Amino acid sequence: PTLSPATYYRHLMMTRPLEEVWRFLTVPFRVQPDFLLLGEVRTGTTSMAAHLRDLGCIGPFSPWIVPLASDKESFYFIGHYWGMVHPGAYRMCFPLKLTMWLRRVWYGERPQVFDA
């Protein structure tokens, strides 16, 4: 298969490359998740993640634009971040510490952060 500009454009529409670079550069300024939501396939993790978001919890960043997995799974541990799985860079999937501080000041409490 040949690589054409249209192929490259379709790949860019499925991913978020500039946001990934920004998140990688700001890793030291990001929070760790407060808890992990673990479960097998078809055990209700998507429903639980949606319920947690309704309660005000914040899900992780996903590099792929996937309807059911956005704000639920980070896809970090399967190597979707340039094939890199380093514990120090795991925080790139989560909000900035400044954002969390502003939410605490504005709403009076810090929201919980999770990864499923």
C-alpha atoms as a PDB file:
ATOM      1  CA  PRO A   1       0.000   0.000   0.000  1.00  0.00           C
ATOM      2  CA  THR A   2       1.172   3.487  -0.796  1.00  0.00           C
ATOM      3  CA  LEU A   3       1.066   6.348   1.648  1.00  0.00           C
ATOM      4  CA  SER A   4      -0.786   9.320   0.281  1.00  0.00           C
ATOM      5  CA  PRO A   5      -1.659  12.653   1.878  1.00  0.00           C
ATOM      6  CA  ALA A   6      -5.222  11.367   2.295  1.00  0.00           C
ATOM      7  CA  THR A   7      -3.961   8.376   4.306  1.00  0.00           C
ATOM      8  CA  TYR A   8      -1.888  10.634   6.537  1.00  0.00           C
ATOM      9  CA  TYR A   9      -4.869  12.959   7.002  1.00  0.00           C
ATOM     10  CA  ARG A  10      -7.150  10.041   8.004  1.00  0.00           C
ATOM     11  CA  HIS A  11      -4.596   8.936  10.590  1.00  0.00           C
ATOM     12  CA  LEU A  12      -4.465  12.471  12.036  1.00  0.00           C
ATOM     13  CA  MET A  13      -8.271  12.517  12.259  1.00  0.00           C
ATOM     14  CA  MET A  14      -8.198   9.300  14.359  1.00  0.00           C
ATOM     15  CA  THR A  15      -5.514  10.527  16.753  1.00  0.00           C
ATOM     16  CA  ARG A  16      -4.643  13.686  18.625  1.00  0.00           C
ATOM     17  CA  PRO A  17      -0.901  14.147  17.904  1.00  0.00           C
ATOM     18  CA  LEU A  18      -0.471  17.754  19.042  1.00  0.00           C
ATOM     19  CA  GLU A  19      -2.289  17.097  22.295  1.00  0.00           C
ATOM     20  CA  GLU A  20      -0.078  14.054  22.882  1.00  0.00           C
ATOM     21  CA  VAL A  21       3.051  16.179  22.455  1.00  0.00           C
ATOM     22  CA  TRP A  22       1.669  18.848  24.819  1.00  0.00           C
ATOM     23  CA  ARG A  23       0.801  16.226  27.431  1.00  0.00           C
ATOM     24  CA  PHE A  24       4.223  14.588  27.126  1.00  0.00           C
ATOM     25  CA  LEU A  25       5.946  17.940  27.701  1.00  0.00           C
ATOM     26  CA  THR A  26       3.797  18.712  30.753  1.00  0.00           C
ATOM     27  CA  VAL A  27       4.117  15.310  32.490  1.00  0.00           C
ATOM     28  CA  PRO A  28       5.753  16.720  35.667  1.00  0.00           C
ATOM     29  CA  PHE A  29       2.814  19.089  36.153  1.00  0.00           C
ATOM     30  CA  ARG A  30       0.068  16.453  36.011  1.00  0.00           C
ATOM     31  CA  VAL A  31      -1.712  14.439  38.721  1.00  0.00           C
ATOM     32  CA  GLN A  32      -1.806  10.675  39.223  1.00  0.00           C
ATOM     33  CA  PRO A  33      -5.190   8.926  39.192  1.00  0.00           C
ATOM     34  CA  ASP A  34      -6.883   8.524  42.551  1.00  0.00           C
ATOM     35  CA  PHE A  35      -8.127   5.049  41.681  1.00  0.00           C
ATOM     36  CA  LEU A  36      -8.212   2.479  38.872  1.00  0.00           C
ATOM     37  CA  LEU A  37     -11.381   0.837  37.637  1.00  0.00           C
ATOM     38  CA  LEU A  38     -10.429  -2.716  36.686  1.00  0.00           C
ATOM     39  CA  GLY A  39     -12.549  -5.352  35.007  1.00  0.00           C
ATOM     40  CA  GLU A  40     -12.776  -7.912  32.239  1.00  0.00           C
ATOM     41  CA  VAL A  41     -14.551  -7.317  28.952  1.00  0.00           C
ATOM     42  CA  ARG A  42     -18.341  -7.039  29.317  1.00  0.00           C
ATOM     43  CA  THR A  43     -18.312  -6.576  33.103  1.00  0.00           C
ATOM     44  CA  GLY A  44     -19.777  -3.075  33.208  1.00  0.00           C
ATOM     45  CA  THR A  45     -16.637  -0.913  33.327  1.00  0.00           C
ATOM     46  CA  THR A  46     -17.987   1.418  30.629  1.00  0.00           C
ATOM     47  CA  SER A  47     -21.258   1.892  32.546  1.00  0.00           C
ATOM     48  CA  MET A  48     -19.366   2.417  35.793  1.00  0.00           C
ATOM     49  CA  ALA A  49     -17.052   4.972  34.135  1.00  0.00           C
ATOM     50  CA  ALA A  50     -20.074   6.848  32.748  1.00  0.00           C
ATOM     51  CA  HIS A  51     -21.656   6.859  36.219  1.00  0.00           C
ATOM     52  CA  LEU A  52     -18.417   8.168  37.769  1.00  0.00           C
ATOM     53  CA  ARG A  53     -18.242  10.970  35.182  1.00  0.00           C
ATOM     54  CA  ASP A  54     -21.870  11.863  36.011  1.00  0.00           C
ATOM     55  CA  LEU A  55     -20.791  12.177  39.650  1.00  0.00           C
ATOM     56  CA  GLY A  56     -18.041  14.633  38.682  1.00  0.00           C
ATOM     57  CA  CYS A  57     -15.030  12.340  38.407  1.00  0.00           C
ATOM     58  CA  ILE A  58     -12.499  12.960  35.650  1.00  0.00           C
ATOM     59  CA  GLY A  59     -11.459  10.186  33.273  1.00  0.00           C
ATOM     60  CA  PRO A  60      -8.160   9.902  31.415  1.00  0.00           C
ATOM     61  CA  PHE A  61      -7.063  11.293  28.062  1.00  0.00           C
ATOM     62  CA  SER A  62      -7.195   8.796  25.201  1.00  0.00           C
ATOM     63  CA  PRO A  63      -4.951   9.249  22.141  1.00  0.00           C
ATOM     64  CA  TRP A  64      -7.545   7.615  19.898  1.00  0.00           C
ATOM     65  CA  ILE A  65     -10.943   9.056  19.139  1.00  0.00           C
ATOM     66  CA  VAL A  66     -13.086   6.080  20.184  1.00  0.00           C
ATOM     67  CA  PRO A  67     -16.741   6.774  21.041  1.00  0.00           C
ATOM     68  CA  LEU A  68     -17.086   4.379  23.999  1.00  0.00           C
ATOM     69  CA  ALA A  69     -13.527   4.617  25.323  1.00  0.00           C
ATOM     70  CA  SER A  70     -12.914   8.379  25.292  1.00  0.00           C
ATOM     71  CA  ASP A  71     -12.641   9.648  28.885  1.00  0.00           C
ATOM     72  CA  LYS A  72     -12.672   6.046  30.128  1.00  0.00           C
ATOM     73  CA  GLU A  73      -9.491   4.247  29.065  1.00  0.00           C
ATOM     74  CA  SER A  74      -6.054   5.772  28.674  1.00  0.00           C
ATOM     75  CA  PHE A  75      -4.717   2.903  26.511  1.00  0.00           C
ATOM     76  CA  TYR A  76      -1.370   3.713  28.125  1.00  0.00           C
ATOM     77  CA  PHE A  77      -0.309   0.239  29.196  1.00  0.00           C
ATOM     78  CA  ILE A  78      -0.770  -1.259  25.732  1.00  0.00           C
ATOM     79  CA  GLY A  79       1.726   1.149  24.154  1.00  0.00           C
ATOM     80  CA  HIS A  80      -0.425   3.562  22.151  1.00  0.00           C
ATOM     81  CA  TYR A  81       1.839   6.478  23.119  1.00  0.00           C
ATOM     82  CA  TRP A  82       4.576   6.023  20.492  1.00  0.00           C
ATOM     83  CA  GLY A  83       5.178   2.504  21.821  1.00  0.00           C
ATOM     84  CA  MET A  84       6.309   3.917  25.157  1.00  0.00           C
ATOM     85  CA  VAL A  85       5.191   2.390  28.436  1.00  0.00           C
ATOM     86  CA  HIS A  86       7.183   4.188  31.116  1.00  0.00           C
ATOM     87  CA  PRO A  87       5.769   4.669  34.627  1.00  0.00           C
ATOM     88  CA  GLY A  88       6.985   8.269  34.747  1.00  0.00           C
ATOM     89  CA  ALA A  89       5.009   9.236  31.662  1.00  0.00           C
ATOM     90  CA  TYR A  90       1.733   7.657  32.828  1.00  0.00           C
ATOM     91  CA  ARG A  91       0.644  11.018  34.236  1.00  0.00           C
ATOM     92  CA  MET A  92       0.373  12.431  30.707  1.00  0.00           C
ATOM     93  CA  CYS A  93      -3.098  10.870  30.588  1.00  0.00           C
ATOM     94  CA  PHE A  94      -4.463  13.014  33.413  1.00  0.00           C
ATOM     95  CA  PRO A  95      -5.269  16.689  34.162  1.00  0.00           C
ATOM     96  CA  LEU A  96      -2.782  19.374  35.120  1.00  0.00           C
ATOM     97  CA  LYS A  97      -2.240  20.063  38.816  1.00  0.00           C
ATOM     98  CA  LEU A  98      -3.169  23.702  38.150  1.00  0.00           C
ATOM     99  CA  THR A  99      -6.494  22.617  36.647  1.00  0.00           C
ATOM    100  CA  MET A 100      -7.245  20.486  39.682  1.00  0.00           C
ATOM    101  CA  TRP A 101      -6.355  23.344  42.017  1.00  0.00           C
ATOM    102  CA  LEU A 102      -8.625  25.737  40.097  1.00  0.00           C
ATOM    103  CA  ARG A 103     -11.495  23.242  40.264  1.00  0.00           C
ATOM    104  CA  ARG A 104     -10.971  22.919  44.018  1.00  0.00           C
ATOM    105  CA  VAL A 105     -11.058  26.711  44.416  1.00  0.00           C
ATOM    106  CA  TRP A 106     -14.045  27.153  42.096  1.00  0.00           C
ATOM    107  CA  TYR A 107     -16.204  24.215  43.249  1.00  0.00           C
ATOM    108  CA  GLY A 108     -14.927  23.847  46.798  1.00  0.00           C
ATOM    109  CA  GLU A 109     -13.674  20.279  46.383  1.00  0.00           C
ATOM    110  CA  ARG A 110     -11.171  18.417  44.292  1.00  0.00           C
ATOM    111  CA  PRO A 111     -12.726  15.950  41.814  1.00  0.00           C
ATOM    112  CA  GLN A 112     -11.529  12.354  41.792  1.00  0.00           C
ATOM    113  CA  VAL A 113      -9.472  11.177  38.819  1.00  0.00           C
ATOM    114  CA  PHE A 114      -9.702   7.606  37.506  1.00  0.00           C
ATOM    115  CA  ASP A 115      -8.476   5.289  34.772  1.00  0.00           C
ATOM    116  CA  ALA A 116     -10.457   2.258  33.624  1.00  0.00           C
END
